[in-house]
Amino acid sequence: MTALELNAELYRAIGDIAEDETLLTKVLKYVKDLASIKNSKAEAPAPDTDKRLDAALKKFHSDWGGNGDAMEIAEELRHNVVNNRTVETW
């Protein structure tokens, strides 16, 4: 996916929780944490990508009330996905 497509998908996903102030607060906190990590990247050497991804997923998952490693989180997400996309017809 391109950055533009990811951006659009992010806004669609946020739209699904737009009425829930608690969830929006959690999303905002997580995004700000990611931004601070990005800004500090130049200052510190980056850890192994897999370890960094696993740590981010674990933090994200625990913030939302769960626990588990990256594989367990991915499996849970696969089982809980709801497809709300619509396809325009011609």
PDB file of N, CA and C in Angstrom:
ATOM      1  N   MET A   1       0.833  -1.188   0.000  1.00  0.00           N
ATOM      2  CA  MET A   1       0.000   0.000   0.000  1.00  0.00           C
ATOM      3  C   MET A   1       0.871   1.243   0.000  1.00  0.00           C
ATOM      4  N   THR A   2       0.410   2.249  -0.676  1.00  0.00           N
ATOM      5  CA  THR A   2       1.139   3.507  -0.686  1.00  0.00           C
ATOM      6  C   THR A   2       0.783   4.299   0.568  1.00  0.00           C
ATOM      7  N   ALA A   3       1.561   5.322   0.838  1.00  0.00           N
ATOM      8  CA  ALA A   3       1.295   6.171   2.001  1.00  0.00           C
ATOM      9  C   ALA A   3      -0.074   6.830   1.879  1.00  0.00           C
ATOM     10  N   LEU A   4      -0.453   7.208   0.686  1.00  0.00           N
ATOM     11  CA  LEU A   4      -1.752   7.843   0.472  1.00  0.00           C
ATOM     12  C   LEU A   4      -2.890   6.862   0.776  1.00  0.00           C
ATOM     13  N   GLU A   5      -2.750   5.621   0.339  1.00  0.00           N
ATOM     14  CA  GLU A   5      -3.770   4.603   0.615  1.00  0.00           C
ATOM     15  C   GLU A   5      -3.842   4.291   2.108  1.00  0.00           C
ATOM     16  N   LEU A   6      -2.676   4.216   2.750  1.00  0.00           N
ATOM     17  CA  LEU A   6      -2.645   3.963   4.190  1.00  0.00           C
ATOM     18  C   LEU A   6      -3.302   5.103   4.961  1.00  0.00           C
ATOM     19  N   ASN A   7      -3.049   6.319   4.520  1.00  0.00           N
ATOM     20  CA  ASN A   7      -3.640   7.488   5.159  1.00  0.00           C
ATOM     21  C   ASN A   7      -5.169   7.433   5.052  1.00  0.00           C
ATOM     22  N   ALA A   8      -5.672   7.109   3.871  1.00  0.00           N
ATOM     23  CA  ALA A   8      -7.121   7.012   3.673  1.00  0.00           C
ATOM     24  C   ALA A   8      -7.706   5.896   4.539  1.00  0.00           C
ATOM     25  N   GLU A   9      -7.030   4.756   4.605  1.00  0.00           N
ATOM     26  CA  GLU A   9      -7.499   3.636   5.425  1.00  0.00           C
ATOM     27  C   GLU A   9      -7.516   4.009   6.908  1.00  0.00           C
ATOM     28  N   LEU A  10      -6.507   4.748   7.340  1.00  0.00           N
ATOM     29  CA  LEU A  10      -6.462   5.203   8.731  1.00  0.00           C
ATOM     30  C   LEU A  10      -7.666   6.084   9.057  1.00  0.00           C
ATOM     31  N   TYR A  11      -7.968   7.032   8.174  1.00  0.00           N
ATOM     32  CA  TYR A  11      -9.114   7.905   8.413  1.00  0.00           C
ATOM     33  C   TYR A  11     -10.433   7.133   8.401  1.00  0.00           C
ATOM     34  N   ARG A  12     -10.554   6.131   7.530  1.00  0.00           N
ATOM     35  CA  ARG A  12     -11.766   5.306   7.524  1.00  0.00           C
ATOM     36  C   ARG A  12     -11.899   4.554   8.849  1.00  0.00           C
ATOM     37  N   ALA A  13     -10.800   3.998   9.330  1.00  0.00           N
ATOM     38  CA  ALA A  13     -10.824   3.240  10.582  1.00  0.00           C
ATOM     39  C   ALA A  13     -11.161   4.149  11.759  1.00  0.00           C
ATOM     40  N   ILE A  14     -10.620   5.346  11.759  1.00  0.00           N
ATOM     41  CA  ILE A  14     -10.918   6.294  12.834  1.00  0.00           C
ATOM     42  C   ILE A  14     -12.384   6.716  12.769  1.00  0.00           C
ATOM     43  N   GLY A  15     -12.933   6.799  11.563  1.00  0.00           N
ATOM     44  CA  GLY A  15     -14.343   7.145  11.411  1.00  0.00           C
ATOM     45  C   GLY A  15     -15.256   6.149  12.099  1.00  0.00           C
ATOM     46  N   ASP A  16     -14.834   4.889  12.144  1.00  0.00           N
ATOM     47  CA  ASP A  16     -15.641   3.852  12.793  1.00  0.00           C
ATOM     48  C   ASP A  16     -15.751   4.066  14.300  1.00  0.00           C
ATOM     49  N   ILE A  17     -14.786   4.753  14.891  1.00  0.00           N
ATOM     50  CA  ILE A  17     -14.816   4.971  16.339  1.00  0.00           C
ATOM     51  C   ILE A  17     -14.972   6.449  16.691  1.00  0.00           C
ATOM     52  N   ALA A  18     -15.394   7.249  15.734  1.00  0.00           N
ATOM     53  CA  ALA A  18     -15.446   8.708  15.908  1.00  0.00           C
ATOM     54  C   ALA A  18     -16.342   9.163  17.056  1.00  0.00           C
ATOM     55  N   GLU A  19     -17.300   8.364  17.441  1.00  0.00           N
ATOM     56  CA  GLU A  19     -18.223   8.756  18.512  1.00  0.00           C
ATOM     57  C   GLU A  19     -17.717   8.362  19.895  1.00  0.00           C
ATOM     58  N   ASP A  20     -16.643   7.593  19.975  1.00  0.00           N
ATOM     59  CA  ASP A  20     -16.156   7.082  21.259  1.00  0.00           C
ATOM     60  C   ASP A  20     -14.911   7.853  21.691  1.00  0.00           C
ATOM     61  N   GLU A  21     -15.091   8.758  22.624  1.00  0.00           N
ATOM     62  CA  GLU A  21     -14.005   9.631  23.073  1.00  0.00           C
ATOM     63  C   GLU A  21     -12.853   8.842  23.685  1.00  0.00           C
ATOM     64  N   THR A  22     -13.162   7.768  24.413  1.00  0.00           N
ATOM     65  CA  THR A  22     -12.119   6.957  25.053  1.00  0.00           C
ATOM     66  C   THR A  22     -11.219   6.302  24.011  1.00  0.00           C
ATOM     67  N   LEU A  23     -11.830   5.705  22.988  1.00  0.00           N
ATOM     68  CA  LEU A  23     -11.034   5.062  21.942  1.00  0.00           C
ATOM     69  C   LEU A  23     -10.217   6.075  21.148  1.00  0.00           C
ATOM     70  N   LEU A  24     -10.811   7.228  20.855  1.00  0.00           N
ATOM     71  CA  LEU A  24     -10.075   8.259  20.128  1.00  0.00           C
ATOM     72  C   LEU A  24      -8.886   8.758  20.942  1.00  0.00           C
ATOM     73  N   THR A  25      -9.047   8.863  22.245  1.00  0.00           N
ATOM     74  CA  THR A  25      -7.952   9.279  23.119  1.00  0.00           C
ATOM     75  C   THR A  25      -6.812   8.266  23.056  1.00  0.00           C
ATOM     76  N   LYS A  26      -7.154   6.980  23.062  1.00  0.00           N
ATOM     77  CA  LYS A  26      -6.129   5.938  22.982  1.00  0.00           C
ATOM     78  C   LYS A  26      -5.404   5.986  21.644  1.00  0.00           C
ATOM     79  N   VAL A  27      -6.158   6.179  20.566  1.00  0.00           N
ATOM     80  CA  VAL A  27      -5.543   6.261  19.241  1.00  0.00           C
ATOM     81  C   VAL A  27      -4.604   7.461  19.173  1.00  0.00           C
ATOM     82  N   LEU A  28      -5.051   8.593  19.670  1.00  0.00           N
ATOM     83  CA  LEU A  28      -4.233   9.803  19.654  1.00  0.00           C
ATOM     84  C   LEU A  28      -2.951   9.617  20.444  1.00  0.00           C
ATOM     85  N   LYS A  29      -3.045   9.013  21.622  1.00  0.00           N
ATOM     86  CA  LYS A  29      -1.861   8.759  22.444  1.00  0.00           C
ATOM     87  C   LYS A  29      -0.885   7.847  21.701  1.00  0.00           C
ATOM     88  N   TYR A  30      -1.409   6.807  21.076  1.00  0.00           N
ATOM     89  CA  TYR A  30      -0.553   5.868  20.352  1.00  0.00           C
ATOM     90  C   TYR A  30       0.140   6.550  19.176  1.00  0.00           C
ATOM     91  N   VAL A  31      -0.597   7.361  18.429  1.00  0.00           N
ATOM     92  CA  VAL A  31      -0.014   8.061  17.285  1.00  0.00           C
ATOM     93  C   VAL A  31       1.055   9.049  17.745  1.00  0.00           C
ATOM     94  N   LYS A  32       0.804   9.742  18.842  1.00  0.00           N
ATOM     95  CA  LYS A  32       1.809  10.666  19.366  1.00  0.00           C
ATOM     96  C   LYS A  32       3.059   9.914  19.821  1.00  0.00           C
ATOM     97  N   ASP A  33       2.880   8.729  20.412  1.00  0.00           N
ATOM     98  CA  ASP A  33       4.024   7.901  20.795  1.00  0.00           C
ATOM     99  C   ASP A  33       4.836   7.506  19.563  1.00  0.00           C
ATOM    100  N   LEU A  34       4.142   7.137  18.494  1.00  0.00           N
ATOM    101  CA  LEU A  34       4.839   6.781  17.254  1.00  0.00           C
ATOM    102  C   LEU A  34       5.609   7.972  16.690  1.00  0.00           C
ATOM    103  N   ALA A  35       4.990   9.152  16.749  1.00  0.00           N
ATOM    104  CA  ALA A  35       5.650  10.356  16.241  1.00  0.00           C
ATOM    105  C   ALA A  35       6.908  10.671  17.040  1.00  0.00           C
ATOM    106  N   SER A  36       6.834  10.500  18.358  1.00  0.00           N
ATOM    107  CA  SER A  36       8.020  10.777  19.173  1.00  0.00           C
ATOM    108  C   SER A  36       9.112   9.750  18.905  1.00  0.00           C
ATOM    109  N   ILE A  37       8.721   8.498  18.649  1.00  0.00           N
ATOM    110  CA  ILE A  37       9.714   7.473  18.293  1.00  0.00           C
ATOM    111  C   ILE A  37      10.376   7.837  16.975  1.00  0.00           C
ATOM    112  N   LYS A  38       9.580   8.295  16.007  1.00  0.00           N
ATOM    113  CA  LYS A  38      10.130   8.679  14.708  1.00  0.00           C
ATOM    114  C   LYS A  38      11.105   9.842  14.861  1.00  0.00           C
ATOM    115  N   ASN A  39      10.734  10.817  15.686  1.00  0.00           N
ATOM    116  CA  ASN A  39      11.585  11.990  15.878  1.00  0.00           C
ATOM    117  C   ASN A  39      12.880  11.644  16.604  1.00  0.00           C
ATOM    118  N   SER A  40      12.842  10.664  17.474  1.00  0.00           N
ATOM    119  CA  SER A  40      14.051  10.290  18.212  1.00  0.00           C
ATOM    120  C   SER A  40      14.883   9.243  17.478  1.00  0.00           C
ATOM    121  N   LYS A  41      14.404   8.769  16.349  1.00  0.00           N
ATOM    122  CA  LYS A  41      15.102   7.734  15.580  1.00  0.00           C
ATOM    123  C   LYS A  41      16.510   8.171  15.191  1.00  0.00           C
ATOM    124  N   ALA A  42      16.657   9.414  14.811  1.00  0.00           N
ATOM    125  CA  ALA A  42      17.958   9.909  14.373  1.00  0.00           C
ATOM    126  C   ALA A  42      18.951   9.956  15.536  1.00  0.00           C
ATOM    127  N   GLU A  43      18.448  10.083  16.747  1.00  0.00           N
ATOM    128  CA  GLU A  43      19.316  10.209  17.908  1.00  0.00           C
ATOM    129  C   GLU A  43      19.854   8.871  18.398  1.00  0.00           C
ATOM    130  N   ALA A  44      19.079   7.803  18.242  1.00  0.00           N
ATOM    131  CA  ALA A  44      19.486   6.503  18.758  1.00  0.00           C
ATOM    132  C   ALA A  44      19.502   5.477  17.627  1.00  0.00           C
ATOM    133  N   PRO A  45      20.413   4.510  17.709  1.00  0.00           N
ATOM    134  CA  PRO A  45      20.405   3.478  16.685  1.00  0.00           C
ATOM    135  C   PRO A  45      19.125   2.646  16.773  1.00  0.00           C
ATOM    136  N   ALA A  46      18.571   2.290  15.611  1.00  0.00           N
ATOM    137  CA  ALA A  46      17.320   1.534  15.579  1.00  0.00           C
ATOM    138  C   ALA A  46      17.566   0.077  15.944  1.00  0.00           C
ATOM    139  N   PRO A  47      16.704  -0.492  16.811  1.00  0.00           N
ATOM    140  CA  PRO A  47      16.828  -1.915  17.124  1.00  0.00           C
ATOM    141  C   PRO A  47      16.380  -2.760  15.940  1.00  0.00           C
ATOM    142  N   ASP A  48      16.578  -4.045  16.039  1.00  0.00           N
ATOM    143  CA  ASP A  48      16.152  -4.962  14.996  1.00  0.00           C
ATOM    144  C   ASP A  48      14.674  -4.722  14.668  1.00  0.00           C
ATOM    145  N   THR A  49      14.332  -4.712  13.378  1.00  0.00           N
ATOM    146  CA  THR A  49      12.973  -4.395  12.938  1.00  0.00           C
ATOM    147  C   THR A  49      11.942  -5.331  13.545  1.00  0.00           C
ATOM    148  N   ASP A  50      12.204  -6.626  13.568  1.00  0.00           N
ATOM    149  CA  ASP A  50      11.241  -7.576  14.123  1.00  0.00           C
ATOM    150  C   ASP A  50      11.007  -7.316  15.607  1.00  0.00           C
ATOM    151  N   LYS A  51      12.058  -7.047  16.343  1.00  0.00           N
ATOM    152  CA  LYS A  51      11.917  -6.767  17.773  1.00  0.00           C
ATOM    153  C   LYS A  51      11.136  -5.480  17.988  1.00  0.00           C
ATOM    154  N   ARG A  52      11.409  -4.472  17.169  1.00  0.00           N
ATOM    155  CA  ARG A  52      10.717  -3.192  17.293  1.00  0.00           C
ATOM    156  C   ARG A  52       9.234  -3.358  16.977  1.00  0.00           C
ATOM    157  N   LEU A  53       8.925  -4.105  15.917  1.00  0.00           N
ATOM    158  CA  LEU A  53       7.535  -4.337  15.557  1.00  0.00           C
ATOM    159  C   LEU A  53       6.816  -5.135  16.635  1.00  0.00           C
ATOM    160  N   ASP A  54       7.472  -6.167  17.147  1.00  0.00           N
ATOM    161  CA  ASP A  54       6.866  -6.979  18.202  1.00  0.00           C
ATOM    162  C   ASP A  54       6.589  -6.128  19.439  1.00  0.00           C
ATOM    163  N   ALA A  55       7.535  -5.260  19.794  1.00  0.00           N
ATOM    164  CA  ALA A  55       7.352  -4.394  20.962  1.00  0.00           C
ATOM    165  C   ALA A  55       6.202  -3.408  20.737  1.00  0.00           C
ATOM    166  N   ALA A  56       6.116  -2.835  19.530  1.00  0.00           N
ATOM    167  CA  ALA A  56       5.039  -1.885  19.238  1.00  0.00           C
ATOM    168  C   ALA A  56       3.685  -2.575  19.276  1.00  0.00           C
ATOM    169  N   LEU A  57       3.600  -3.766  18.683  1.00  0.00           N
ATOM    170  CA  LEU A  57       2.336  -4.497  18.691  1.00  0.00           C
ATOM    171  C   LEU A  57       1.931  -4.887  20.109  1.00  0.00           C
ATOM    172  N   LYS A  58       2.905  -5.315  20.898  1.00  0.00           N
ATOM    173  CA  LYS A  58       2.613  -5.716  22.272  1.00  0.00           C
ATOM    174  C   LYS A  58       2.095  -4.515  23.078  1.00  0.00           C
ATOM    175  N   LYS A  59       2.740  -3.345  22.893  1.00  0.00           N
ATOM    176  CA  LYS A  59       2.298  -2.139  23.592  1.00  0.00           C
ATOM    177  C   LYS A  59       0.897  -1.742  23.140  1.00  0.00           C
ATOM    178  N   PHE A  60       0.678  -1.752  21.847  1.00  0.00           N
ATOM    179  CA  PHE A  60      -0.627  -1.409  21.299  1.00  0.00           C
ATOM    180  C   PHE A  60      -1.692  -2.355  21.846  1.00  0.00           C
ATOM    181  N   HIS A  61      -1.400  -3.640  21.828  1.00  0.00           N
ATOM    182  CA  HIS A  61      -2.366  -4.644  22.273  1.00  0.00           C
ATOM    183  C   HIS A  61      -2.653  -4.501  23.769  1.00  0.00           C
ATOM    184  N   SER A  62      -1.610  -4.280  24.570  1.00  0.00           N
ATOM    185  CA  SER A  62      -1.829  -4.135  26.014  1.00  0.00           C
ATOM    186  C   SER A  62      -2.592  -2.849  26.331  1.00  0.00           C
ATOM    187  N   ASP A  63      -2.360  -1.789  25.555  1.00  0.00           N
ATOM    188  CA  ASP A  63      -3.109  -0.543  25.748  1.00  0.00           C
ATOM    189  C   ASP A  63      -4.605  -0.757  25.516  1.00  0.00           C
ATOM    190  N   TRP A  64      -4.950  -1.729  24.673  1.00  0.00           N
ATOM    191  CA  TRP A  64      -6.348  -1.999  24.352  1.00  0.00           C
ATOM    192  C   TRP A  64      -6.882  -3.177  25.168  1.00  0.00           C
ATOM    193  N   GLY A  65      -6.155  -3.587  26.208  1.00  0.00           N
ATOM    194  CA  GLY A  65      -6.682  -4.578  27.133  1.00  0.00           C
ATOM    195  C   GLY A  65      -6.312  -6.009  26.839  1.00  0.00           C
ATOM    196  N   GLY A  66      -5.315  -6.265  26.030  1.00  0.00           N
ATOM    197  CA  GLY A  66      -4.932  -7.638  25.722  1.00  0.00           C
ATOM    198  C   GLY A  66      -3.476  -7.882  26.035  1.00  0.00           C
ATOM    199  N   ASN A  67      -3.023  -9.065  25.723  1.00  0.00           N
ATOM    200  CA  ASN A  67      -1.599  -9.363  25.853  1.00  0.00           C
ATOM    201  C   ASN A  67      -1.251 -10.441  24.842  1.00  0.00           C
ATOM    202  N   GLY A  68       0.005 -10.629  24.581  1.00  0.00           N
ATOM    203  CA  GLY A  68       0.421 -11.639  23.615  1.00  0.00           C
ATOM    204  C   GLY A  68       1.544 -11.133  22.745  1.00  0.00           C
ATOM    205  N   ASP A  69       2.152 -12.069  22.014  1.00  0.00           N
ATOM    206  CA  ASP A  69       3.234 -11.674  21.115  1.00  0.00           C
ATOM    207  C   ASP A  69       2.652 -11.277  19.753  1.00  0.00           C
ATOM    208  N   ALA A  70       3.520 -10.890  18.836  1.00  0.00           N
ATOM    209  CA  ALA A  70       3.071 -10.372  17.543  1.00  0.00           C
ATOM    210  C   ALA A  70       2.231 -11.388  16.779  1.00  0.00           C
ATOM    211  N   MET A  71       2.607 -12.653  16.812  1.00  0.00           N
ATOM    212  CA  MET A  71       1.860 -13.674  16.079  1.00  0.00           C
ATOM    213  C   MET A  71       0.450 -13.854  16.664  1.00  0.00           C
ATOM    214  N   GLU A  72       0.324 -13.858  17.980  1.00  0.00           N
ATOM    215  CA  GLU A  72      -0.989 -13.994  18.609  1.00  0.00           C
ATOM    216  C   GLU A  72      -1.869 -12.790  18.290  1.00  0.00           C
ATOM    217  N   ILE A  73      -1.270 -11.604  18.302  1.00  0.00           N
ATOM    218  CA  ILE A  73      -2.017 -10.385  17.994  1.00  0.00           C
ATOM    219  C   ILE A  73      -2.492 -10.420  16.548  1.00  0.00           C
ATOM    220  N   ALA A  74      -1.604 -10.805  15.628  1.00  0.00           N
ATOM    221  CA  ALA A  74      -1.968 -10.874  14.211  1.00  0.00           C
ATOM    222  C   ALA A  74      -3.098 -11.873  13.996  1.00  0.00           C
ATOM    223  N   GLU A  75      -3.015 -13.013  14.653  1.00  0.00           N
ATOM    224  CA  GLU A  75      -4.062 -14.035  14.528  1.00  0.00           C
ATOM    225  C   GLU A  75      -5.395 -13.511  15.076  1.00  0.00           C
ATOM    226  N   GLU A  76      -5.358 -12.816  16.198  1.00  0.00           N
ATOM    227  CA  GLU A  76      -6.573 -12.247  16.771  1.00  0.00           C
ATOM    228  C   GLU A  76      -7.181 -11.210  15.831  1.00  0.00           C
ATOM    229  N   LEU A  77      -6.328 -10.372  15.241  1.00  0.00           N
ATOM    230  CA  LEU A  77      -6.823  -9.364  14.303  1.00  0.00           C
ATOM    231  C   LEU A  77      -7.464 -10.020  13.084  1.00  0.00           C
ATOM    232  N   ARG A  78      -6.849 -11.092  12.573  1.00  0.00           N
ATOM    233  CA  ARG A  78      -7.418 -11.793  11.425  1.00  0.00           C
ATOM    234  C   ARG A  78      -8.812 -12.335  11.738  1.00  0.00           C
ATOM    235  N   HIS A  79      -9.007 -12.839  12.947  1.00  0.00           N
ATOM    236  CA  HIS A  79     -10.292 -13.426  13.311  1.00  0.00           C
ATOM    237  C   HIS A  79     -11.348 -12.379  13.642  1.00  0.00           C
ATOM    238  N   ASN A  80     -10.939 -11.161  13.954  1.00  0.00           N
ATOM    239  CA  ASN A  80     -11.887 -10.123  14.364  1.00  0.00           C
ATOM    240  C   ASN A  80     -12.116  -9.050  13.319  1.00  0.00           C
ATOM    241  N   VAL A  81     -11.577  -9.227  12.131  1.00  0.00           N
ATOM    242  CA  VAL A  81     -11.703  -8.194  11.107  1.00  0.00           C
ATOM    243  C   VAL A  81     -13.150  -8.143  10.602  1.00  0.00           C
ATOM    244  N   VAL A  82     -13.631  -6.927  10.417  1.00  0.00           N
ATOM    245  CA  VAL A  82     -14.958  -6.703   9.860  1.00  0.00           C
ATOM    246  C   VAL A  82     -14.765  -5.888   8.590  1.00  0.00           C
ATOM    247  N   ASN A  83     -15.249  -6.398   7.497  1.00  0.00           N
ATOM    248  CA  ASN A  83     -15.076  -5.715   6.224  1.00  0.00           C
ATOM    249  C   ASN A  83     -16.242  -4.763   5.998  1.00  0.00           C
ATOM    250  N   ASN A  84     -15.964  -3.467   6.111  1.00  0.00           N
ATOM    251  CA  ASN A  84     -16.981  -2.432   5.897  1.00  0.00           C
ATOM    252  C   ASN A  84     -16.784  -1.710   4.580  1.00  0.00           C
ATOM    253  N   ARG A  85     -15.952  -2.254   3.728  1.00  0.00           N
ATOM    254  CA  ARG A  85     -15.656  -1.560   2.467  1.00  0.00           C
ATOM    255  C   ARG A  85     -16.798  -1.741   1.474  1.00  0.00           C
ATOM    256  N   THR A  86     -16.994  -0.719   0.678  1.00  0.00           N
ATOM    257  CA  THR A  86     -17.972  -0.805  -0.391  1.00  0.00           C
ATOM    258  C   THR A  86     -17.235  -0.640  -1.708  1.00  0.00           C
ATOM    259  N   VAL A  87     -17.741  -1.294  -2.703  1.00  0.00           N
ATOM    260  CA  VAL A  87     -17.132  -1.223  -4.024  1.00  0.00           C
ATOM    261  C   VAL A  87     -18.095  -0.496  -4.945  1.00  0.00           C
ATOM    262  N   GLU A  88     -17.579   0.535  -5.564  1.00  0.00           N
ATOM    263  CA  GLU A  88     -18.418   1.290  -6.493  1.00  0.00           C
ATOM    264  C   GLU A  88     -18.599   0.494  -7.771  1.00  0.00           C
ATOM    265  N   THR A  89     -19.821   0.442  -8.244  1.00  0.00           N
ATOM    266  CA  THR A  89     -20.086  -0.241  -9.519  1.00  0.00           C
ATOM    267  C   THR A  89     -20.201   0.799 -10.603  1.00  0.00           C
ATOM    268  N   TRP A  90     -20.009   0.371 -11.800  1.00  0.00           N
ATOM    269  CA  TRP A  90     -20.022   1.305 -12.926  1.00  0.00           C
ATOM    270  C   TRP A  90     -21.365   1.399 -13.522  1.00  0.00           C
TER     271      TRP A  90
END
